[in-house]
PDB file of N, CA and C in Angstrom:
ATOM      1  N   MET A   1      -5.076 -40.797 -19.236  1.00  0.00           N
ATOM      2  CA  MET A   1      -5.741 -40.520 -17.976  1.00  0.00           C
ATOM      3  C   MET A   1      -5.907 -39.004 -17.803  1.00  0.00           C
ATOM      4  N   ALA A   2      -7.095 -38.560 -17.520  1.00  0.00           N
ATOM      5  CA  ALA A   2      -7.392 -37.136 -17.373  1.00  0.00           C
ATOM      6  C   ALA A   2      -6.897 -36.621 -16.024  1.00  0.00           C
ATOM      7  N   LEU A   3      -6.471 -35.372 -16.015  1.00  0.00           N
ATOM      8  CA  LEU A   3      -6.035 -34.740 -14.777  1.00  0.00           C
ATOM      9  C   LEU A   3      -7.238 -34.235 -13.997  1.00  0.00           C
ATOM     10  N   THR A   4      -7.109 -34.250 -12.672  1.00  0.00           N
ATOM     11  CA  THR A   4      -8.172 -33.677 -11.845  1.00  0.00           C
ATOM     12  C   THR A   4      -8.032 -32.156 -11.867  1.00  0.00           C
ATOM     13  N   LYS A   5      -9.021 -31.484 -11.334  1.00  0.00           N
ATOM     14  CA  LYS A   5      -9.022 -30.022 -11.282  1.00  0.00           C
ATOM     15  C   LYS A   5      -7.811 -29.504 -10.494  1.00  0.00           C
ATOM     16  N   VAL A   6      -7.518 -30.139  -9.363  1.00  0.00           N
ATOM     17  CA  VAL A   6      -6.394 -29.723  -8.523  1.00  0.00           C
ATOM     18  C   VAL A   6      -5.068 -29.976  -9.233  1.00  0.00           C
ATOM     19  N   GLU A   7      -4.933 -31.122  -9.898  1.00  0.00           N
ATOM     20  CA  GLU A   7      -3.696 -31.428 -10.630  1.00  0.00           C
ATOM     21  C   GLU A   7      -3.453 -30.419 -11.754  1.00  0.00           C
ATOM     22  N   LYS A   8      -4.514 -29.999 -12.433  1.00  0.00           N
ATOM     23  CA  LYS A   8      -4.380 -28.977 -13.485  1.00  0.00           C
ATOM     24  C   LYS A   8      -3.874 -27.670 -12.897  1.00  0.00           C
ATOM     25  N   ARG A   9      -4.470 -27.259 -11.761  1.00  0.00           N
ATOM     26  CA  ARG A   9      -4.075 -26.007 -11.121  1.00  0.00           C
ATOM     27  C   ARG A   9      -2.617 -26.060 -10.690  1.00  0.00           C
ATOM     28  N   ILE A  10      -2.190 -27.178 -10.130  1.00  0.00           N
ATOM     29  CA  ILE A  10      -0.799 -27.317  -9.682  1.00  0.00           C
ATOM     30  C   ILE A  10       0.160 -27.279 -10.867  1.00  0.00           C
ATOM     31  N   ARG A  11      -0.226 -27.865 -11.982  1.00  0.00           N
ATOM     32  CA  ARG A  11       0.608 -27.839 -13.184  1.00  0.00           C
ATOM     33  C   ARG A  11       0.774 -26.402 -13.690  1.00  0.00           C
ATOM     34  N   ILE A  12      -0.325 -25.655 -13.713  1.00  0.00           N
ATOM     35  CA  ILE A  12      -0.277 -24.247 -14.129  1.00  0.00           C
ATOM     36  C   ILE A  12       0.571 -23.445 -13.143  1.00  0.00           C
ATOM     37  N   LYS A  13       0.390 -23.708 -11.855  1.00  0.00           N
ATOM     38  CA  LYS A  13       1.129 -23.017 -10.803  1.00  0.00           C
ATOM     39  C   LYS A  13       2.641 -23.201 -10.989  1.00  0.00           C
ATOM     40  N   ARG A  14       3.068 -24.427 -11.247  1.00  0.00           N
ATOM     41  CA  ARG A  14       4.496 -24.703 -11.439  1.00  0.00           C
ATOM     42  C   ARG A  14       5.046 -23.971 -12.656  1.00  0.00           C
ATOM     43  N   ARG A  15       4.261 -23.926 -13.723  1.00  0.00           N
ATOM     44  CA  ARG A  15       4.700 -23.249 -14.946  1.00  0.00           C
ATOM     45  C   ARG A  15       4.878 -21.750 -14.700  1.00  0.00           C
ATOM     46  N   VAL A  16       3.927 -21.140 -14.004  1.00  0.00           N
ATOM     47  CA  VAL A  16       3.998 -19.710 -13.717  1.00  0.00           C
ATOM     48  C   VAL A  16       5.142 -19.412 -12.762  1.00  0.00           C
ATOM     49  N   ARG A  17       5.305 -20.243 -11.729  1.00  0.00           N
ATOM     50  CA  ARG A  17       6.354 -20.003 -10.730  1.00  0.00           C
ATOM     51  C   ARG A  17       7.751 -20.148 -11.303  1.00  0.00           C
ATOM     52  N   GLY A  18       7.888 -20.828 -12.440  1.00  0.00           N
ATOM     53  CA  GLY A  18       9.178 -20.894 -13.107  1.00  0.00           C
ATOM     54  C   GLY A  18       9.566 -19.565 -13.730  1.00  0.00           C
ATOM     55  N   LYS A  19       8.579 -18.718 -13.967  1.00  0.00           N
ATOM     56  CA  LYS A  19       8.817 -17.443 -14.643  1.00  0.00           C
ATOM     57  C   LYS A  19       8.885 -16.253 -13.692  1.00  0.00           C
ATOM     58  N   ILE A  20       8.181 -16.327 -12.548  1.00  0.00           N
ATOM     59  CA  ILE A  20       8.186 -15.191 -11.626  1.00  0.00           C
ATOM     60  C   ILE A  20       8.743 -15.608 -10.276  1.00  0.00           C
ATOM     61  N   SER A  21       9.379 -14.659  -9.603  1.00  0.00           N
ATOM     62  CA  SER A  21       9.817 -14.893  -8.233  1.00  0.00           C
ATOM     63  C   SER A  21       9.905 -13.547  -7.541  1.00  0.00           C
ATOM     64  N   GLY A  22       9.804 -13.566  -6.234  1.00  0.00           N
ATOM     65  CA  GLY A  22       9.797 -12.338  -5.465  1.00  0.00           C
ATOM     66  C   GLY A  22      11.113 -12.099  -4.764  1.00  0.00           C
ATOM     67  N   SER A  23      11.379 -10.826  -4.468  1.00  0.00           N
ATOM     68  CA  SER A  23      12.561 -10.439  -3.709  1.00  0.00           C
ATOM     69  C   SER A  23      12.107  -9.490  -2.601  1.00  0.00           C
ATOM     70  N   ALA A  24      13.039  -9.022  -1.789  1.00  0.00           N
ATOM     71  CA  ALA A  24      12.677  -8.108  -0.713  1.00  0.00           C
ATOM     72  C   ALA A  24      12.169  -6.778  -1.287  1.00  0.00           C
ATOM     73  N   GLU A  25      12.753  -6.344  -2.423  1.00  0.00           N
ATOM     74  CA  GLU A  25      12.352  -5.080  -3.036  1.00  0.00           C
ATOM     75  C   GLU A  25      11.048  -5.224  -3.815  1.00  0.00           C
ATOM     76  N   LEU A  26      10.870  -6.363  -4.494  1.00  0.00           N
ATOM     77  CA  LEU A  26       9.691  -6.621  -5.311  1.00  0.00           C
ATOM     78  C   LEU A  26       9.137  -8.004  -4.950  1.00  0.00           C
ATOM     79  N   PRO A  27       8.376  -8.090  -3.846  1.00  0.00           N
ATOM     80  CA  PRO A  27       7.887  -9.398  -3.401  1.00  0.00           C
ATOM     81  C   PRO A  27       6.773  -9.945  -4.298  1.00  0.00           C
ATOM     82  N   ARG A  28       6.514 -11.224  -4.147  1.00  0.00           N
ATOM     83  CA  ARG A  28       5.468 -11.913  -4.902  1.00  0.00           C
ATOM     84  C   ARG A  28       4.199 -11.921  -4.063  1.00  0.00           C
ATOM     85  N   LEU A  29       3.098 -11.420  -4.637  1.00  0.00           N
ATOM     86  CA  LEU A  29       1.795 -11.448  -3.972  1.00  0.00           C
ATOM     87  C   LEU A  29       1.112 -12.746  -4.361  1.00  0.00           C
ATOM     88  N   SER A  30       1.149 -13.713  -3.453  1.00  0.00           N
ATOM     89  CA  SER A  30       0.594 -15.038  -3.703  1.00  0.00           C
ATOM     90  C   SER A  30      -0.819 -15.118  -3.141  1.00  0.00           C
ATOM     91  N   VAL A  31      -1.747 -15.643  -3.952  1.00  0.00           N
ATOM     92  CA  VAL A  31      -3.153 -15.744  -3.567  1.00  0.00           C
ATOM     93  C   VAL A  31      -3.551 -17.221  -3.493  1.00  0.00           C
ATOM     94  N   PHE A  32      -4.270 -17.585  -2.436  1.00  0.00           N
ATOM     95  CA  PHE A  32      -4.839 -18.921  -2.348  1.00  0.00           C
ATOM     96  C   PHE A  32      -6.296 -18.778  -1.949  1.00  0.00           C
ATOM     97  N   LYS A  33      -7.161 -19.513  -2.623  1.00  0.00           N
ATOM     98  CA  LYS A  33      -8.573 -19.481  -2.248  1.00  0.00           C
ATOM     99  C   LYS A  33      -9.070 -20.897  -2.004  1.00  0.00           C
ATOM    100  N   SER A  34      -9.831 -21.034  -0.930  1.00  0.00           N
ATOM    101  CA  SER A  34     -10.527 -22.289  -0.678  1.00  0.00           C
ATOM    102  C   SER A  34     -11.996 -22.021  -0.986  1.00  0.00           C
ATOM    103  N   ASN A  35     -12.858 -22.981  -0.714  1.00  0.00           N
ATOM    104  CA  ASN A  35     -14.277 -22.767  -0.978  1.00  0.00           C
ATOM    105  C   ASN A  35     -14.876 -21.673  -0.100  1.00  0.00           C
ATOM    106  N   LYS A  36     -14.345 -21.514   1.127  1.00  0.00           N
ATOM    107  CA  LYS A  36     -14.906 -20.536   2.057  1.00  0.00           C
ATOM    108  C   LYS A  36     -14.051 -19.280   2.210  1.00  0.00           C
ATOM    109  N   GLU A  37     -12.743 -19.437   2.240  1.00  0.00           N
ATOM    110  CA  GLU A  37     -11.844 -18.340   2.612  1.00  0.00           C
ATOM    111  C   GLU A  37     -10.933 -17.959   1.453  1.00  0.00           C
ATOM    112  N   ILE A  38     -10.226 -16.818   1.624  1.00  0.00           N
ATOM    113  CA  ILE A  38      -9.202 -16.404   0.668  1.00  0.00           C
ATOM    114  C   ILE A  38      -8.018 -15.863   1.466  1.00  0.00           C
ATOM    115  N   TYR A  39      -6.819 -16.162   0.995  1.00  0.00           N
ATOM    116  CA  TYR A  39      -5.590 -15.798   1.692  1.00  0.00           C
ATOM    117  C   TYR A  39      -4.651 -15.107   0.709  1.00  0.00           C
ATOM    118  N   ALA A  40      -3.869 -14.138   1.198  1.00  0.00           N
ATOM    119  CA  ALA A  40      -2.875 -13.469   0.369  1.00  0.00           C
ATOM    120  C   ALA A  40      -1.633 -13.249   1.219  1.00  0.00           C
ATOM    121  N   GLN A  41      -0.473 -13.404   0.589  1.00  0.00           N
ATOM    122  CA  GLN A  41       0.766 -13.123   1.316  1.00  0.00           C
ATOM    123  C   GLN A  41       1.818 -12.574   0.367  1.00  0.00           C
ATOM    124  N   LEU A  42       2.686 -11.726   0.908  1.00  0.00           N
ATOM    125  CA  LEU A  42       3.818 -11.199   0.160  1.00  0.00           C
ATOM    126  C   LEU A  42       5.028 -12.024   0.537  1.00  0.00           C
ATOM    127  N   VAL A  43       5.662 -12.623  -0.478  1.00  0.00           N
ATOM    128  CA  VAL A  43       6.733 -13.585  -0.241  1.00  0.00           C
ATOM    129  C   VAL A  43       8.039 -13.091  -0.861  1.00  0.00           C
ATOM    130  N   ASP A  44       9.122 -13.189  -0.086  1.00  0.00           N
ATOM    131  CA  ASP A  44      10.480 -12.957  -0.582  1.00  0.00           C
ATOM    132  C   ASP A  44      11.065 -14.336  -0.872  1.00  0.00           C
ATOM    133  N   ASP A  45      11.129 -14.714  -2.149  1.00  0.00           N
ATOM    134  CA  ASP A  45      11.577 -16.054  -2.521  1.00  0.00           C
ATOM    135  C   ASP A  45      13.076 -16.245  -2.335  1.00  0.00           C
ATOM    136  N   LYS A  46      13.845 -15.169  -2.378  1.00  0.00           N
ATOM    137  CA  LYS A  46      15.296 -15.296  -2.214  1.00  0.00           C
ATOM    138  C   LYS A  46      15.659 -15.738  -0.806  1.00  0.00           C
ATOM    139  N   ASP A  47      14.969 -15.187   0.202  1.00  0.00           N
ATOM    140  CA  ASP A  47      15.213 -15.577   1.588  1.00  0.00           C
ATOM    141  C   ASP A  47      14.232 -16.632   2.070  1.00  0.00           C
ATOM    142  N   GLY A  48      13.192 -16.914   1.275  1.00  0.00           N
ATOM    143  CA  GLY A  48      12.198 -17.903   1.661  1.00  0.00           C
ATOM    144  C   GLY A  48      11.353 -17.460   2.835  1.00  0.00           C
ATOM    145  N   LYS A  49      10.985 -16.160   2.858  1.00  0.00           N
ATOM    146  CA  LYS A  49      10.231 -15.615   3.986  1.00  0.00           C
ATOM    147  C   LYS A  49       8.940 -14.962   3.522  1.00  0.00           C
ATOM    148  N   THR A  50       7.926 -15.057   4.363  1.00  0.00           N
ATOM    149  CA  THR A  50       6.689 -14.322   4.149  1.00  0.00           C
ATOM    150  C   THR A  50       6.843 -12.976   4.840  1.00  0.00           C
ATOM    151  N   LEU A  51       6.701 -11.891   4.073  1.00  0.00           N
ATOM    152  CA  LEU A  51       6.879 -10.557   4.625  1.00  0.00           C
ATOM    153  C   LEU A  51       5.603 -10.040   5.283  1.00  0.00           C
ATOM    154  N   VAL A  52       4.468 -10.205   4.597  1.00  0.00           N
ATOM    155  CA  VAL A  52       3.176  -9.715   5.082  1.00  0.00           C
ATOM    156  C   VAL A  52       2.104 -10.708   4.649  1.00  0.00           C
ATOM    157  N   SER A  53       1.076 -10.888   5.469  1.00  0.00           N
ATOM    158  CA  SER A  53      -0.023 -11.753   5.055  1.00  0.00           C
ATOM    159  C   SER A  53      -1.354 -11.167   5.505  1.00  0.00           C
ATOM    160  N   ALA A  54      -2.412 -11.570   4.803  1.00  0.00           N
ATOM    161  CA  ALA A  54      -3.778 -11.165   5.158  1.00  0.00           C
ATOM    162  C   ALA A  54      -4.718 -12.275   4.702  1.00  0.00           C
ATOM    163  N   SER A  55      -5.824 -12.424   5.403  1.00  0.00           N
ATOM    164  CA  SER A  55      -6.795 -13.437   5.004  1.00  0.00           C
ATOM    165  C   SER A  55      -8.191 -13.021   5.431  1.00  0.00           C
ATOM    166  N   SER A  56      -9.167 -13.722   4.913  1.00  0.00           N
ATOM    167  CA  SER A  56     -10.556 -13.430   5.265  1.00  0.00           C
ATOM    168  C   SER A  56     -10.887 -13.929   6.675  1.00  0.00           C
ATOM    169  N   ARG A  57      -9.981 -14.641   7.295  1.00  0.00           N
ATOM    170  CA  ARG A  57     -10.206 -15.156   8.654  1.00  0.00           C
ATOM    171  C   ARG A  57      -9.719 -14.196   9.723  1.00  0.00           C
ATOM    172  N   GLU A  58      -8.969 -13.170   9.345  1.00  0.00           N
ATOM    173  CA  GLU A  58      -8.424 -12.225  10.314  1.00  0.00           C
ATOM    174  C   GLU A  58      -9.506 -11.325  10.886  1.00  0.00           C
ATOM    175  N   LYS A  59      -9.279 -10.846  12.095  1.00  0.00           N
ATOM    176  CA  LYS A  59     -10.251  -9.962  12.737  1.00  0.00           C
ATOM    177  C   LYS A  59     -10.268  -8.579  12.097  1.00  0.00           C
ATOM    178  N   GLY A  60      -9.134  -8.109  11.589  1.00  0.00           N
ATOM    179  CA  GLY A  60      -9.056  -6.768  11.000  1.00  0.00           C
ATOM    180  C   GLY A  60      -9.756  -6.640   9.661  1.00  0.00           C
ATOM    181  N   VAL A  61     -10.055  -7.749   9.011  1.00  0.00           N
ATOM    182  CA  VAL A  61     -10.688  -7.732   7.700  1.00  0.00           C
ATOM    183  C   VAL A  61     -12.202  -7.773   7.876  1.00  0.00           C
ATOM    184  N   ASP A  62     -12.894  -6.845   7.208  1.00  0.00           N
ATOM    185  CA  ASP A  62     -14.354  -6.790   7.290  1.00  0.00           C
ATOM    186  C   ASP A  62     -14.939  -7.928   6.459  1.00  0.00           C
ATOM    187  N   ALA A  63     -15.336  -9.015   7.107  1.00  0.00           N
ATOM    188  CA  ALA A  63     -15.801 -10.218   6.412  1.00  0.00           C
ATOM    189  C   ALA A  63     -17.314 -10.238   6.273  1.00  0.00           C
ATOM    190  N   LYS A  64     -17.871  -9.159   5.753  1.00  0.00           N
ATOM    191  CA  LYS A  64     -19.311  -9.090   5.534  1.00  0.00           C
ATOM    192  C   LYS A  64     -19.582  -9.068   4.037  1.00  0.00           C
ATOM    193  N   GLY A  65     -20.712  -9.593   3.623  1.00  0.00           N
ATOM    194  CA  GLY A  65     -21.091  -9.549   2.219  1.00  0.00           C
ATOM    195  C   GLY A  65     -20.750 -10.832   1.495  1.00  0.00           C
ATOM    196  N   THR A  66     -20.710 -10.741   0.171  1.00  0.00           N
ATOM    197  CA  THR A  66     -20.422 -11.913  -0.650  1.00  0.00           C
ATOM    198  C   THR A  66     -18.937 -12.261  -0.567  1.00  0.00           C
ATOM    199  N   LYS A  67     -18.589 -13.445  -1.072  1.00  0.00           N
ATOM    200  CA  LYS A  67     -17.189 -13.866  -1.055  1.00  0.00           C
ATOM    201  C   LYS A  67     -16.327 -12.937  -1.912  1.00  0.00           C
ATOM    202  N   THR A  68     -16.896 -12.388  -2.981  1.00  0.00           N
ATOM    203  CA  THR A  68     -16.160 -11.461  -3.839  1.00  0.00           C
ATOM    204  C   THR A  68     -15.879 -10.156  -3.102  1.00  0.00           C
ATOM    205  N   GLU A  69     -16.862  -9.649  -2.347  1.00  0.00           N
ATOM    206  CA  GLU A  69     -16.663  -8.427  -1.560  1.00  0.00           C
ATOM    207  C   GLU A  69     -15.627  -8.645  -0.468  1.00  0.00           C
ATOM    208  N   VAL A  70     -15.641  -9.820   0.151  1.00  0.00           N
ATOM    209  CA  VAL A  70     -14.656 -10.154   1.178  1.00  0.00           C
ATOM    210  C   VAL A  70     -13.258 -10.213   0.564  1.00  0.00           C
ATOM    211  N   SER A  71     -13.156 -10.751  -0.653  1.00  0.00           N
ATOM    212  CA  SER A  71     -11.867 -10.833  -1.343  1.00  0.00           C
ATOM    213  C   SER A  71     -11.300  -9.440  -1.610  1.00  0.00           C
ATOM    214  N   ALA A  72     -12.157  -8.509  -2.002  1.00  0.00           N
ATOM    215  CA  ALA A  72     -11.716  -7.131  -2.226  1.00  0.00           C
ATOM    216  C   ALA A  72     -11.212  -6.518  -0.920  1.00  0.00           C
ATOM    217  N   ALA A  73     -11.884  -6.817   0.201  1.00  0.00           N
ATOM    218  CA  ALA A  73     -11.452  -6.319   1.510  1.00  0.00           C
ATOM    219  C   ALA A  73     -10.090  -6.895   1.894  1.00  0.00           C
ATOM    220  N   VAL A  74      -9.846  -8.167   1.567  1.00  0.00           N
ATOM    221  CA  VAL A  74      -8.544  -8.792   1.848  1.00  0.00           C
ATOM    222  C   VAL A  74      -7.462  -8.112   1.007  1.00  0.00           C
ATOM    223  N   GLY A  75      -7.777  -7.777  -0.246  1.00  0.00           N
ATOM    224  CA  GLY A  75      -6.837  -7.054  -1.104  1.00  0.00           C
ATOM    225  C   GLY A  75      -6.457  -5.705  -0.521  1.00  0.00           C
ATOM    226  N   LYS A  76      -7.449  -4.991   0.000  1.00  0.00           N
ATOM    227  CA  LYS A  76      -7.179  -3.694   0.628  1.00  0.00           C
ATOM    228  C   LYS A  76      -6.347  -3.863   1.894  1.00  0.00           C
ATOM    229  N   ALA A  77      -6.627  -4.924   2.651  1.00  0.00           N
ATOM    230  CA  ALA A  77      -5.880  -5.182   3.889  1.00  0.00           C
ATOM    231  C   ALA A  77      -4.419  -5.512   3.602  1.00  0.00           C
ATOM    232  N   ILE A  78      -4.169  -6.342   2.587  1.00  0.00           N
ATOM    233  CA  ILE A  78      -2.776  -6.697   2.262  1.00  0.00           C
ATOM    234  C   ILE A  78      -2.026  -5.475   1.756  1.00  0.00           C
ATOM    235  N   ALA A  79      -2.708  -4.606   1.009  1.00  0.00           N
ATOM    236  CA  ALA A  79      -2.070  -3.381   0.518  1.00  0.00           C
ATOM    237  C   ALA A  79      -1.723  -2.444   1.667  1.00  0.00           C
ATOM    238  N   ALA A  80      -2.622  -2.323   2.631  1.00  0.00           N
ATOM    239  CA  ALA A  80      -2.361  -1.460   3.787  1.00  0.00           C
ATOM    240  C   ALA A  80      -1.173  -1.985   4.597  1.00  0.00           C
ATOM    241  N   LYS A  81      -1.122  -3.300   4.802  1.00  0.00           N
ATOM    242  CA  LYS A  81       0.003  -3.889   5.544  1.00  0.00           C
ATOM    243  C   LYS A  81       1.312  -3.736   4.769  1.00  0.00           C
ATOM    244  N   ALA A  82       1.242  -3.871   3.445  1.00  0.00           N
ATOM    245  CA  ALA A  82       2.438  -3.711   2.616  1.00  0.00           C
ATOM    246  C   ALA A  82       2.954  -2.282   2.703  1.00  0.00           C
ATOM    247  N   LYS A  83       2.056  -1.310   2.646  1.00  0.00           N
ATOM    248  CA  LYS A  83       2.451   0.104   2.757  1.00  0.00           C
ATOM    249  C   LYS A  83       3.139   0.354   4.098  1.00  0.00           C
ATOM    250  N   ALA A  84       2.589  -0.235   5.162  1.00  0.00           N
ATOM    251  CA  ALA A  84       3.173  -0.076   6.497  1.00  0.00           C
ATOM    252  C   ALA A  84       4.573  -0.695   6.564  1.00  0.00           C
ATOM    253  N   ALA A  85       4.796  -1.749   5.775  1.00  0.00           N
ATOM    254  CA  ALA A  85       6.105  -2.413   5.751  1.00  0.00           C
ATOM    255  C   ALA A  85       7.047  -1.760   4.736  1.00  0.00           C
ATOM    256  N   GLY A  86       6.582  -0.723   4.050  1.00  0.00           N
ATOM    257  CA  GLY A  86       7.430  -0.014   3.097  1.00  0.00           C
ATOM    258  C   GLY A  86       7.486  -0.645   1.715  1.00  0.00           C
ATOM    259  N   ILE A  87       6.482  -1.431   1.361  1.00  0.00           N
ATOM    260  CA  ILE A  87       6.433  -2.096   0.062  1.00  0.00           C
ATOM    261  C   ILE A  87       5.382  -1.409  -0.801  1.00  0.00           C
ATOM    262  N   GLU A  88       5.784  -0.987  -1.997  1.00  0.00           N
ATOM    263  CA  GLU A  88       4.842  -0.294  -2.878  1.00  0.00           C
ATOM    264  C   GLU A  88       4.509  -1.084  -4.134  1.00  0.00           C
ATOM    265  N   SER A  89       5.448  -1.921  -4.615  1.00  0.00           N
ATOM    266  CA  SER A  89       5.236  -2.689  -5.839  1.00  0.00           C
ATOM    267  C   SER A  89       5.405  -4.179  -5.569  1.00  0.00           C
ATOM    268  N   VAL A  90       4.616  -4.999  -6.277  1.00  0.00           N
ATOM    269  CA  VAL A  90       4.678  -6.448  -6.116  1.00  0.00           C
ATOM    270  C   VAL A  90       4.544  -7.119  -7.476  1.00  0.00           C
ATOM    271  N   VAL A  91       4.841  -8.424  -7.496  1.00  0.00           N
ATOM    272  CA  VAL A  91       4.589  -9.268  -8.660  1.00  0.00           C
ATOM    273  C   VAL A  91       3.403 -10.148  -8.292  1.00  0.00           C
ATOM    274  N   PHE A  92       2.370 -10.186  -9.130  1.00  0.00           N
ATOM    275  CA  PHE A  92       1.143 -10.921  -8.788  1.00  0.00           C
ATOM    276  C   PHE A  92       1.263 -12.383  -9.181  1.00  0.00           C
ATOM    277  N   ASP A  93       0.960 -13.272  -8.237  1.00  0.00           N
ATOM    278  CA  ASP A  93       0.971 -14.723  -8.463  1.00  0.00           C
ATOM    279  C   ASP A  93      -0.423 -15.256  -8.158  1.00  0.00           C
ATOM    280  N   ARG A  94      -1.160 -15.623  -9.205  1.00  0.00           N
ATOM    281  CA  ARG A  94      -2.533 -16.099  -9.018  1.00  0.00           C
ATOM    282  C   ARG A  94      -2.558 -17.549  -8.579  1.00  0.00           C
ATOM    283  N   ASN A  95      -1.398 -18.196  -8.487  1.00  0.00           N
ATOM    284  CA  ASN A  95      -1.260 -19.531  -7.905  1.00  0.00           C
ATOM    285  C   ASN A  95      -2.012 -20.606  -8.690  1.00  0.00           C
ATOM    286  N   GLY A  96      -2.130 -20.431 -10.000  1.00  0.00           N
ATOM    287  CA  GLY A  96      -2.810 -21.422 -10.828  1.00  0.00           C
ATOM    288  C   GLY A  96      -4.304 -21.227 -10.938  1.00  0.00           C
ATOM    289  N   PHE A  97      -4.850 -20.274 -10.176  1.00  0.00           N
ATOM    290  CA  PHE A  97      -6.282 -19.989 -10.255  1.00  0.00           C
ATOM    291  C   PHE A  97      -6.547 -19.069 -11.435  1.00  0.00           C
ATOM    292  N   VAL A  98      -7.749 -19.146 -11.993  1.00  0.00           N
ATOM    293  CA  VAL A  98      -8.129 -18.278 -13.105  1.00  0.00           C
ATOM    294  C   VAL A  98      -8.259 -16.846 -12.587  1.00  0.00           C
ATOM    295  N   TYR A  99      -7.732 -15.880 -13.348  1.00  0.00           N
ATOM    296  CA  TYR A  99      -7.818 -14.470 -12.962  1.00  0.00           C
ATOM    297  C   TYR A  99      -9.232 -13.980 -13.265  1.00  0.00           C
ATOM    298  N   HIS A 100     -10.143 -14.268 -12.351  1.00  0.00           N
ATOM    299  CA  HIS A 100     -11.551 -13.991 -12.547  1.00  0.00           C
ATOM    300  C   HIS A 100     -12.235 -14.113 -11.193  1.00  0.00           C
ATOM    301  N   GLY A 101     -13.291 -13.398 -10.977  1.00  0.00           N
ATOM    302  CA  GLY A 101     -14.056 -13.535  -9.750  1.00  0.00           C
ATOM    303  C   GLY A 101     -13.306 -13.076  -8.518  1.00  0.00           C
ATOM    304  N   ARG A 102     -13.117 -13.973  -7.549  1.00  0.00           N
ATOM    305  CA  ARG A 102     -12.517 -13.606  -6.266  1.00  0.00           C
ATOM    306  C   ARG A 102     -11.049 -13.218  -6.389  1.00  0.00           C
ATOM    307  N   VAL A 103     -10.312 -13.885  -7.270  1.00  0.00           N
ATOM    308  CA  VAL A 103      -8.891 -13.561  -7.450  1.00  0.00           C
ATOM    309  C   VAL A 103      -8.763 -12.156  -8.051  1.00  0.00           C
ATOM    310  N   LYS A 104      -9.590 -11.843  -9.033  1.00  0.00           N
ATOM    311  CA  LYS A 104      -9.585 -10.521  -9.667  1.00  0.00           C
ATOM    312  C   LYS A 104     -10.024  -9.452  -8.668  1.00  0.00           C
ATOM    313  N   ALA A 105     -11.013  -9.766  -7.832  1.00  0.00           N
ATOM    314  CA  ALA A 105     -11.497  -8.818  -6.830  1.00  0.00           C
ATOM    315  C   ALA A 105     -10.391  -8.484  -5.825  1.00  0.00           C
ATOM    316  N   LEU A 106      -9.624  -9.497  -5.408  1.00  0.00           N
ATOM    317  CA  LEU A 106      -8.514  -9.268  -4.493  1.00  0.00           C
ATOM    318  C   LEU A 106      -7.471  -8.364  -5.145  1.00  0.00           C
ATOM    319  N   ALA A 107      -7.126  -8.639  -6.402  1.00  0.00           N
ATOM    320  CA  ALA A 107      -6.138  -7.832  -7.114  1.00  0.00           C
ATOM    321  C   ALA A 107      -6.620  -6.392  -7.275  1.00  0.00           C
ATOM    322  N   ASP A 108      -7.885  -6.219  -7.635  1.00  0.00           N
ATOM    323  CA  ASP A 108      -8.437  -4.877  -7.808  1.00  0.00           C
ATOM    324  C   ASP A 108      -8.475  -4.116  -6.489  1.00  0.00           C
ATOM    325  N   GLY A 109      -8.808  -4.807  -5.401  1.00  0.00           N
ATOM    326  CA  GLY A 109      -8.810  -4.189  -4.076  1.00  0.00           C
ATOM    327  C   GLY A 109      -7.419  -3.736  -3.664  1.00  0.00           C
ATOM    328  N   ALA A 110      -6.404  -4.538  -3.963  1.00  0.00           N
ATOM    329  CA  ALA A 110      -5.023  -4.177  -3.633  1.00  0.00           C
ATOM    330  C   ALA A 110      -4.567  -2.975  -4.468  1.00  0.00           C
ATOM    331  N   ARG A 111      -4.932  -2.971  -5.760  1.00  0.00           N
ATOM    332  CA  ARG A 111      -4.580  -1.833  -6.618  1.00  0.00           C
ATOM    333  C   ARG A 111      -5.269  -0.555  -6.153  1.00  0.00           C
ATOM    334  N   GLU A 112      -6.540  -0.694  -5.763  1.00  0.00           N
ATOM    335  CA  GLU A 112      -7.324   0.446  -5.302  1.00  0.00           C
ATOM    336  C   GLU A 112      -6.692   1.069  -4.057  1.00  0.00           C
ATOM    337  N   ALA A 113      -6.120   0.239  -3.203  1.00  0.00           N
ATOM    338  CA  ALA A 113      -5.497   0.711  -1.968  1.00  0.00           C
ATOM    339  C   ALA A 113      -4.066   1.206  -2.177  1.00  0.00           C
ATOM    340  N   GLY A 114      -3.580   1.185  -3.435  1.00  0.00           N
ATOM    341  CA  GLY A 114      -2.291   1.811  -3.734  1.00  0.00           C
ATOM    342  C   GLY A 114      -1.133   0.878  -4.029  1.00  0.00           C
ATOM    343  N   LEU A 115      -1.359  -0.418  -4.108  1.00  0.00           N
ATOM    344  CA  LEU A 115      -0.285  -1.362  -4.432  1.00  0.00           C
ATOM    345  C   LEU A 115      -0.109  -1.416  -5.948  1.00  0.00           C
ATOM    346  N   LYS A 116       1.135  -1.384  -6.422  1.00  0.00           N
ATOM    347  CA  LYS A 116       1.399  -1.382  -7.855  1.00  0.00           C
ATOM    348  C   LYS A 116       1.852  -2.759  -8.324  1.00  0.00           C
ATOM    349  N   PHE A 117       1.218  -3.255  -9.403  1.00  0.00           N
ATOM    350  CA  PHE A 117       1.667  -4.493 -10.072  1.00  0.00           C
ATOM    351  C   PHE A 117       1.055  -4.596 -11.443  1.00  0.00           C
TER     352      PHE A 117
END
């Protein structure tokens, strides 16, 4: 029986999450994308808390242009919030999505704004 697209992504996600985890000093930058929106959050896995989050639905994020341009803006927003919270380095978690297109744009936007990973 063939796996669906979502089942494949979840399988990849579980495999990656077995290898990486976030802490208060080095949180995990988790990315989720739906067909319309994109979300990013910095997670401390040891305490099970979300430290900072940003999404394309927030008012502070400039949601104009293509979905890829919006993703880059979300990356810059999460980096700015992380800097304000005193976080400079993160571990990137693509959440089973291919590192291409909107996910790559978000990562590049975060790097451009000064986040290290």
